[in-house]
């Protein structure tokens, strides 16, 4: 009887083994169920444990780095706020200083002009009497008035102006049918003012409408 070669079955490989690999399981239990002793981890378990520990450490390091970045950002924002406040305070100080200097200048001009008003009255009276037609006194008077004009001091008031108690002072008063409102009839003494204040109100004779 002739022996027939045996053909490996579909479940066996050429060496008689199975074509499909047998599943392997990793036992992560720390206590050996047979001996009850602490079991040493296998090399695979040791690698997995190290990877998990590294991932945990990396997560903690990232959290610490984020916390430090947040703290530095808050410090930077506080520093920027402090710088902004200092800049605003300096700007306000500069504005106040300029305003104070301008106010002090205006007060100085007003004080000098008020002191010179009697002199200006004499000049205007001499001019009305024709005493300033020529001569050195006329030149001095003109220079004085021009200099005060450069500092914003001006003479004001004329007959025919509407009477305004804020800038006029009535020394004489009458009524007339020729006017329809309170009117400056005559300037007795001219007024002087700067842009911001009345140094002396114009002294006038005022006429009111009849009725």
C-alpha atoms as a PDB file:
ATOM      1  CA  UNK A   1       0.000   0.000   0.000  1.00  0.00           C
ATOM      2  CA  UNK A   2       1.462   3.270  -1.068  1.00  0.00           C
ATOM      3  CA  UNK A   3       1.886   5.964   1.608  1.00  0.00           C
ATOM      4  CA  UNK A   4       0.253   9.284   0.620  1.00  0.00           C
ATOM      5  CA  UNK A   5       2.010  12.557   1.625  1.00  0.00           C
ATOM      6  CA  UNK A   6       0.184  14.328   4.250  1.00  0.00           C
ATOM      7  CA  UNK A   7      -0.949  17.821   3.173  1.00  0.00           C
ATOM      8  CA  UNK A   8      -1.004  20.393   5.927  1.00  0.00           C
ATOM      9  CA  UNK A   9      -4.467  21.534   6.793  1.00  0.00           C
ATOM     10  CA  UNK A  10      -5.541  25.114   6.352  1.00  0.00           C
ATOM     11  CA  UNK A  11      -5.117  25.641  10.057  1.00  0.00           C
ATOM     12  CA  UNK A  12      -1.473  24.596   9.993  1.00  0.00           C
ATOM     13  CA  UNK A  13       1.494  26.262   8.438  1.00  0.00           C
ATOM     14  CA  UNK A  14       4.356  24.621   6.701  1.00  0.00           C
ATOM     15  CA  UNK A  15       5.939  23.806  10.057  1.00  0.00           C
ATOM     16  CA  UNK A  16       2.757  22.410  11.432  1.00  0.00           C
ATOM     17  CA  UNK A  17       1.847  25.556  13.332  1.00  0.00           C
ATOM     18  CA  UNK A  18      -1.194  27.796  12.994  1.00  0.00           C
ATOM     19  CA  UNK A  19      -1.236  30.574  10.348  1.00  0.00           C
ATOM     20  CA  UNK A  20      -2.974  32.899  12.853  1.00  0.00           C
ATOM     21  CA  UNK A  21      -0.874  34.254  15.755  1.00  0.00           C
ATOM     22  CA  UNK A  22      -2.156  33.481  19.199  1.00  0.00           C
ATOM     23  CA  UNK A  23      -3.290  36.705  20.989  1.00  0.00           C
ATOM     24  CA  UNK A  24      -0.989  37.830  23.787  1.00  0.00           C
ATOM     25  CA  UNK A  25      -2.200  39.662  26.885  1.00  0.00           C
ATOM     26  CA  UNK A  26      -0.250  41.938  29.216  1.00  0.00           C
ATOM     27  CA  UNK A  27      -1.011  41.329  32.827  1.00  0.00           C
ATOM     28  CA  UNK A  28      -0.841  44.656  34.642  1.00  0.00           C
ATOM     29  CA  UNK A  29      -1.696  43.281  38.050  1.00  0.00           C
ATOM     30  CA  UNK A  30       0.970  44.129  40.645  1.00  0.00           C
ATOM     31  CA  UNK A  31       0.154  41.072  42.796  1.00  0.00           C
ATOM     32  CA  UNK A  32       0.808  37.631  41.368  1.00  0.00           C
ATOM     33  CA  UNK A  33      -2.507  35.745  41.683  1.00  0.00           C
ATOM     34  CA  UNK A  34      -0.697  32.420  42.178  1.00  0.00           C
ATOM     35  CA  UNK A  35       1.984  33.338  44.727  1.00  0.00           C
ATOM     36  CA  UNK A  36       0.407  36.455  46.268  1.00  0.00           C
ATOM     37  CA  UNK A  37       3.748  38.252  45.994  1.00  0.00           C
ATOM     38  CA  UNK A  38       4.444  41.607  44.377  1.00  0.00           C
ATOM     39  CA  UNK A  39       5.119  40.849  40.770  1.00  0.00           C
ATOM     40  CA  UNK A  40       7.976  42.598  38.959  1.00  0.00           C
ATOM     41  CA  UNK A  41       6.816  44.373  35.808  1.00  0.00           C
ATOM     42  CA  UNK A  42       7.753  42.914  32.481  1.00  0.00           C
ATOM     43  CA  UNK A  43       9.970  44.980  30.156  1.00  0.00           C
ATOM     44  CA  UNK A  44       6.903  46.003  28.166  1.00  0.00           C
ATOM     45  CA  UNK A  45       5.092  47.115  31.323  1.00  0.00           C
ATOM     46  CA  UNK A  46       8.162  49.073  32.444  1.00  0.00           C
ATOM     47  CA  UNK A  47       8.310  50.930  29.113  1.00  0.00           C
ATOM     48  CA  UNK A  48       4.592  51.729  29.258  1.00  0.00           C
ATOM     49  CA  UNK A  49       4.901  52.983  32.860  1.00  0.00           C
ATOM     50  CA  UNK A  50       7.863  55.214  31.953  1.00  0.00           C
ATOM     51  CA  UNK A  51       5.932  56.648  28.996  1.00  0.00           C
ATOM     52  CA  UNK A  52       2.912  57.390  31.192  1.00  0.00           C
ATOM     53  CA  UNK A  53       5.141  59.043  33.832  1.00  0.00           C
ATOM     54  CA  UNK A  54       6.865  61.159  31.172  1.00  0.00           C
ATOM     55  CA  UNK A  55       3.501  62.249  29.764  1.00  0.00           C
ATOM     56  CA  UNK A  56       2.282  63.209  33.249  1.00  0.00           C
ATOM     57  CA  UNK A  57       5.487  65.137  33.946  1.00  0.00           C
ATOM     58  CA  UNK A  58       5.191  66.908  30.601  1.00  0.00           C
ATOM     59  CA  UNK A  59       1.616  67.902  31.368  1.00  0.00           C
ATOM     60  CA  UNK A  60       2.641  69.309  34.757  1.00  0.00           C
ATOM     61  CA  UNK A  61       5.551  71.173  33.161  1.00  0.00           C
ATOM     62  CA  UNK A  62       3.241  72.675  30.540  1.00  0.00           C
ATOM     63  CA  UNK A  63       0.816  73.754  33.248  1.00  0.00           C
ATOM     64  CA  UNK A  64       3.634  75.423  35.215  1.00  0.00           C
ATOM     65  CA  UNK A  65       4.879  77.160  32.064  1.00  0.00           C
ATOM     66  CA  UNK A  66       1.378  78.464  31.295  1.00  0.00           C
ATOM     67  CA  UNK A  67       0.989  79.707  34.860  1.00  0.00           C
ATOM     68  CA  UNK A  68       4.349  81.501  34.680  1.00  0.00           C
ATOM     69  CA  UNK A  69       3.397  83.048  31.310  1.00  0.00           C
ATOM     70  CA  UNK A  70       0.108  84.298  32.785  1.00  0.00           C
ATOM     71  CA  UNK A  71       1.940  85.833  35.743  1.00  0.00           C
ATOM     72  CA  UNK A  72       4.440  87.594  33.464  1.00  0.00           C
ATOM     73  CA  UNK A  73       1.606  88.875  31.253  1.00  0.00           C
ATOM     74  CA  UNK A  74      -0.196  90.300  34.284  1.00  0.00           C
ATOM     75  CA  UNK A  75       3.022  91.984  35.463  1.00  0.00           C
ATOM     76  CA  UNK A  76       3.503  93.496  31.997  1.00  0.00           C
ATOM     77  CA  UNK A  77      -0.082  94.785  31.928  1.00  0.00           C
ATOM     78  CA  UNK A  78       0.356  96.347  35.381  1.00  0.00           C
ATOM     79  CA  UNK A  79       3.600  97.991  34.263  1.00  0.00           C
ATOM     80  CA  UNK A  80       1.903  99.351  31.130  1.00  0.00           C
ATOM     81  CA  UNK A  81      -0.972 100.723  33.229  1.00  0.00           C
ATOM     82  CA  UNK A  82       1.483 102.407  35.615  1.00  0.00           C
ATOM     83  CA  UNK A  83       3.364 103.933  32.681  1.00  0.00           C
ATOM     84  CA  UNK A  84       0.107 105.153  31.121  1.00  0.00           C
ATOM     85  CA  UNK A  85      -0.965 106.800  34.393  1.00  0.00           C
ATOM     86  CA  UNK A  86       2.441 108.456  34.751  1.00  0.00           C
ATOM     87  CA  UNK A  87       2.252 109.719  31.167  1.00  0.00           C
ATOM     88  CA  UNK A  88      -1.221 111.151  31.747  1.00  0.00           C
ATOM     89  CA  UNK A  89      -0.112 112.849  34.965  1.00  0.00           C
ATOM     90  CA  UNK A  90       2.887 114.387  33.192  1.00  0.00           C
ATOM     91  CA  UNK A  91       0.714 115.585  30.309  1.00  0.00           C
ATOM     92  CA  UNK A  92      -1.740 117.161  32.769  1.00  0.00           C
ATOM     93  CA  UNK A  93       1.165 118.797  34.619  1.00  0.00           C
ATOM     94  CA  UNK A  94       2.527 120.287  31.389  1.00  0.00           C
ATOM     95  CA  UNK A  95      -0.918 121.649  30.478  1.00  0.00           C
ATOM     96  CA  UNK A  96      -1.376 123.167  33.952  1.00  0.00           C
ATOM     97  CA  UNK A  97       2.107 124.679  33.827  1.00  0.00           C
ATOM     98  CA  UNK A  98       1.437 126.299  30.454  1.00  0.00           C
ATOM     99  CA  UNK A  99      -1.947 127.590  31.606  1.00  0.00           C
ATOM    100  CA  UNK A 100      -0.455 128.949  34.835  1.00  0.00           C
ATOM    101  CA  UNK A 101       2.375 130.642  32.940  1.00  0.00           C
ATOM    102  CA  UNK A 102      -0.080 132.235  30.512  1.00  0.00           C
ATOM    103  CA  UNK A 103      -2.316 133.392  33.362  1.00  0.00           C
ATOM    104  CA  UNK A 104       0.684 134.848  35.206  1.00  0.00           C
ATOM    105  CA  UNK A 105       1.722 136.676  32.020  1.00  0.00           C
ATOM    106  CA  UNK A 106      -1.768 138.106  31.576  1.00  0.00           C
ATOM    107  CA  UNK A 107      -1.890 139.213  35.213  1.00  0.00           C
ATOM    108  CA  UNK A 108       1.474 140.929  34.809  1.00  0.00           C
ATOM    109  CA  UNK A 109       0.355 142.766  31.689  1.00  0.00           C
ATOM    110  CA  UNK A 110      -2.902 143.819  33.370  1.00  0.00           C
ATOM    111  CA  UNK A 111      -1.077 145.083  36.460  1.00  0.00           C
ATOM    112  CA  UNK A 112       1.332 147.209  34.401  1.00  0.00           C
ATOM    113  CA  UNK A 113      -1.438 148.557  32.167  1.00  0.00           C
ATOM    114  CA  UNK A 114      -3.630 149.485  35.150  1.00  0.00           C
ATOM    115  CA  UNK A 115      -0.698 151.361  36.675  1.00  0.00           C
ATOM    116  CA  UNK A 116      -0.230 153.281  33.416  1.00  0.00           C
ATOM    117  CA  UNK A 117      -3.894 154.223  32.939  1.00  0.00           C
ATOM    118  CA  UNK A 118      -3.446 157.689  34.527  1.00  0.00           C
ATOM    119  CA  UNK A 119      -0.561 158.327  32.138  1.00  0.00           C
ATOM    120  CA  UNK A 120      -2.692 157.158  29.217  1.00  0.00           C
ATOM    121  CA  UNK A 121      -5.476 159.504  30.355  1.00  0.00           C
ATOM    122  CA  UNK A 122      -3.044 162.431  30.300  1.00  0.00           C
ATOM    123  CA  UNK A 123      -1.864 161.434  26.819  1.00  0.00           C
ATOM    124  CA  UNK A 124      -5.436 161.252  25.516  1.00  0.00           C
ATOM    125  CA  UNK A 125      -6.325 164.605  27.132  1.00  0.00           C
ATOM    126  CA  UNK A 126      -3.242 166.235  25.602  1.00  0.00           C
ATOM    127  CA  UNK A 127      -4.152 164.765  22.220  1.00  0.00           C
ATOM    128  CA  UNK A 128      -7.684 166.228  22.444  1.00  0.00           C
ATOM    129  CA  UNK A 129      -6.198 169.658  23.190  1.00  0.00           C
ATOM    130  CA  UNK A 130      -3.771 169.442  20.284  1.00  0.00           C
ATOM    131  CA  UNK A 131      -0.662 169.204  22.439  1.00  0.00           C
ATOM    132  CA  UNK A 132       0.595 166.039  20.700  1.00  0.00           C
ATOM    133  CA  UNK A 133       0.787 167.425  17.184  1.00  0.00           C
ATOM    134  CA  UNK A 134       4.579 167.218  17.147  1.00  0.00           C
ATOM    135  CA  UNK A 135       7.659 167.133  19.358  1.00  0.00           C
ATOM    136  CA  UNK A 136       9.451 164.431  21.372  1.00  0.00           C
ATOM    137  CA  UNK A 137       6.543 163.958  23.786  1.00  0.00           C
ATOM    138  CA  UNK A 138       4.270 162.917  20.907  1.00  0.00           C
ATOM    139  CA  UNK A 139       6.802 160.276  19.829  1.00  0.00           C
ATOM    140  CA  UNK A 140       7.118 158.898  23.365  1.00  0.00           C
ATOM    141  CA  UNK A 141       3.348 158.752  23.797  1.00  0.00           C
ATOM    142  CA  UNK A 142       2.951 156.894  20.509  1.00  0.00           C
ATOM    143  CA  UNK A 143       5.659 154.356  21.440  1.00  0.00           C
ATOM    144  CA  UNK A 144       4.039 153.729  24.814  1.00  0.00           C
ATOM    145  CA  UNK A 145       0.613 153.101  23.305  1.00  0.00           C
ATOM    146  CA  UNK A 146       2.108 150.883  20.568  1.00  0.00           C
ATOM    147  CA  UNK A 147       3.999 148.802  23.109  1.00  0.00           C
ATOM    148  CA  UNK A 148       0.894 148.274  25.228  1.00  0.00           C
ATOM    149  CA  UNK A 149      -0.994 147.347  22.070  1.00  0.00           C
ATOM    150  CA  UNK A 150       1.507 144.550  21.366  1.00  0.00           C
ATOM    151  CA  UNK A 151       0.620 143.087  24.766  1.00  0.00           C
ATOM    152  CA  UNK A 152      -3.085 143.151  23.943  1.00  0.00           C
ATOM    153  CA  UNK A 153      -4.013 146.366  25.761  1.00  0.00           C
ATOM    154  CA  UNK A 154      -6.480 148.470  23.789  1.00  0.00           C
ATOM    155  CA  UNK A 155      -8.468 151.669  24.293  1.00  0.00           C
ATOM    156  CA  UNK A 156     -12.174 151.360  23.578  1.00  0.00           C
ATOM    157  CA  UNK A 157     -15.412 153.378  23.714  1.00  0.00           C
ATOM    158  CA  UNK A 158     -16.998 155.818  21.287  1.00  0.00           C
ATOM    159  CA  UNK A 159     -20.075 158.026  21.096  1.00  0.00           C
ATOM    160  CA  UNK A 160     -22.992 156.222  19.497  1.00  0.00           C
ATOM    161  CA  UNK A 161     -22.136 152.790  20.974  1.00  0.00           C
ATOM    162  CA  UNK A 162     -24.983 150.924  22.599  1.00  0.00           C
ATOM    163  CA  UNK A 163     -24.660 151.252  26.350  1.00  0.00           C
ATOM    164  CA  UNK A 164     -23.489 148.038  28.022  1.00  0.00           C
ATOM    165  CA  UNK A 165     -23.133 148.134  31.819  1.00  0.00           C
ATOM    166  CA  UNK A 166     -20.546 145.338  31.596  1.00  0.00           C
ATOM    167  CA  UNK A 167     -18.080 147.584  29.751  1.00  0.00           C
ATOM    168  CA  UNK A 168     -19.440 151.099  30.349  1.00  0.00           C
ATOM    169  CA  UNK A 169     -19.777 153.214  33.472  1.00  0.00           C
ATOM    170  CA  UNK A 170     -22.451 155.920  33.271  1.00  0.00           C
ATOM    171  CA  UNK A 171     -21.410 159.213  34.872  1.00  0.00           C
ATOM    172  CA  UNK A 172     -24.206 161.265  33.279  1.00  0.00           C
ATOM    173  CA  UNK A 173     -27.732 160.280  32.220  1.00  0.00           C
ATOM    174  CA  UNK A 174     -30.499 161.891  30.120  1.00  0.00           C
ATOM    175  CA  UNK A 175     -33.440 161.083  27.812  1.00  0.00           C
ATOM    176  CA  UNK A 176     -33.963 161.840  24.141  1.00  0.00           C
ATOM    177  CA  UNK A 177     -36.498 161.118  21.423  1.00  0.00           C
ATOM    178  CA  UNK A 178     -33.634 160.636  18.975  1.00  0.00           C
ATOM    179  CA  UNK A 179     -32.635 157.231  20.319  1.00  0.00           C
ATOM    180  CA  UNK A 180     -34.470 153.929  20.545  1.00  0.00           C
ATOM    181  CA  UNK A 181     -32.145 152.240  23.019  1.00  0.00           C
ATOM    182  CA  UNK A 182     -29.679 153.225  25.726  1.00  0.00           C
ATOM    183  CA  UNK A 183     -26.850 154.914  23.844  1.00  0.00           C
ATOM    184  CA  UNK A 184     -23.443 156.383  24.695  1.00  0.00           C
ATOM    185  CA  UNK A 185     -23.864 160.099  24.091  1.00  0.00           C
ATOM    186  CA  UNK A 186     -20.352 161.166  25.047  1.00  0.00           C
ATOM    187  CA  UNK A 187     -17.121 159.443  26.196  1.00  0.00           C
ATOM    188  CA  UNK A 188     -15.838 161.206  29.288  1.00  0.00           C
ATOM    189  CA  UNK A 189     -12.887 158.871  29.824  1.00  0.00           C
ATOM    190  CA  UNK A 190     -11.906 156.040  27.466  1.00  0.00           C
ATOM    191  CA  UNK A 191     -11.867 152.478  28.723  1.00  0.00           C
ATOM    192  CA  UNK A 192      -8.970 150.026  28.569  1.00  0.00           C
ATOM    193  CA  UNK A 193      -9.119 146.259  28.246  1.00  0.00           C
ATOM    194  CA  UNK A 194      -7.201 143.153  27.313  1.00  0.00           C
ATOM    195  CA  UNK A 195      -8.574 140.097  25.588  1.00  0.00           C
ATOM    196  CA  UNK A 196      -9.761 138.565  28.862  1.00  0.00           C
ATOM    197  CA  UNK A 197     -10.549 141.447  31.203  1.00  0.00           C
ATOM    198  CA  UNK A 198     -11.742 145.017  31.521  1.00  0.00           C
ATOM    199  CA  UNK A 199      -8.966 147.121  33.024  1.00  0.00           C
ATOM    200  CA  UNK A 200     -11.240 150.134  33.334  1.00  0.00           C
ATOM    201  CA  UNK A 201     -14.763 150.581  32.029  1.00  0.00           C
ATOM    202  CA  UNK A 202     -15.367 153.455  29.627  1.00  0.00           C
ATOM    203  CA  UNK A 203     -16.866 156.361  31.561  1.00  0.00           C
ATOM    204  CA  UNK A 204     -19.705 157.875  29.560  1.00  0.00           C
ATOM    205  CA  UNK A 205     -22.764 160.094  29.386  1.00  0.00           C
ATOM    206  CA  UNK A 206     -25.700 157.838  28.452  1.00  0.00           C
ATOM    207  CA  UNK A 207     -29.017 158.784  26.914  1.00  0.00           C
ATOM    208  CA  UNK A 208     -32.193 156.691  27.088  1.00  0.00           C
ATOM    209  CA  UNK A 209     -35.264 156.907  24.808  1.00  0.00           C
ATOM    210  CA  UNK A 210     -38.179 158.962  26.113  1.00  0.00           C
ATOM    211  CA  UNK A 211     -41.345 157.392  27.287  1.00  0.00           C
END
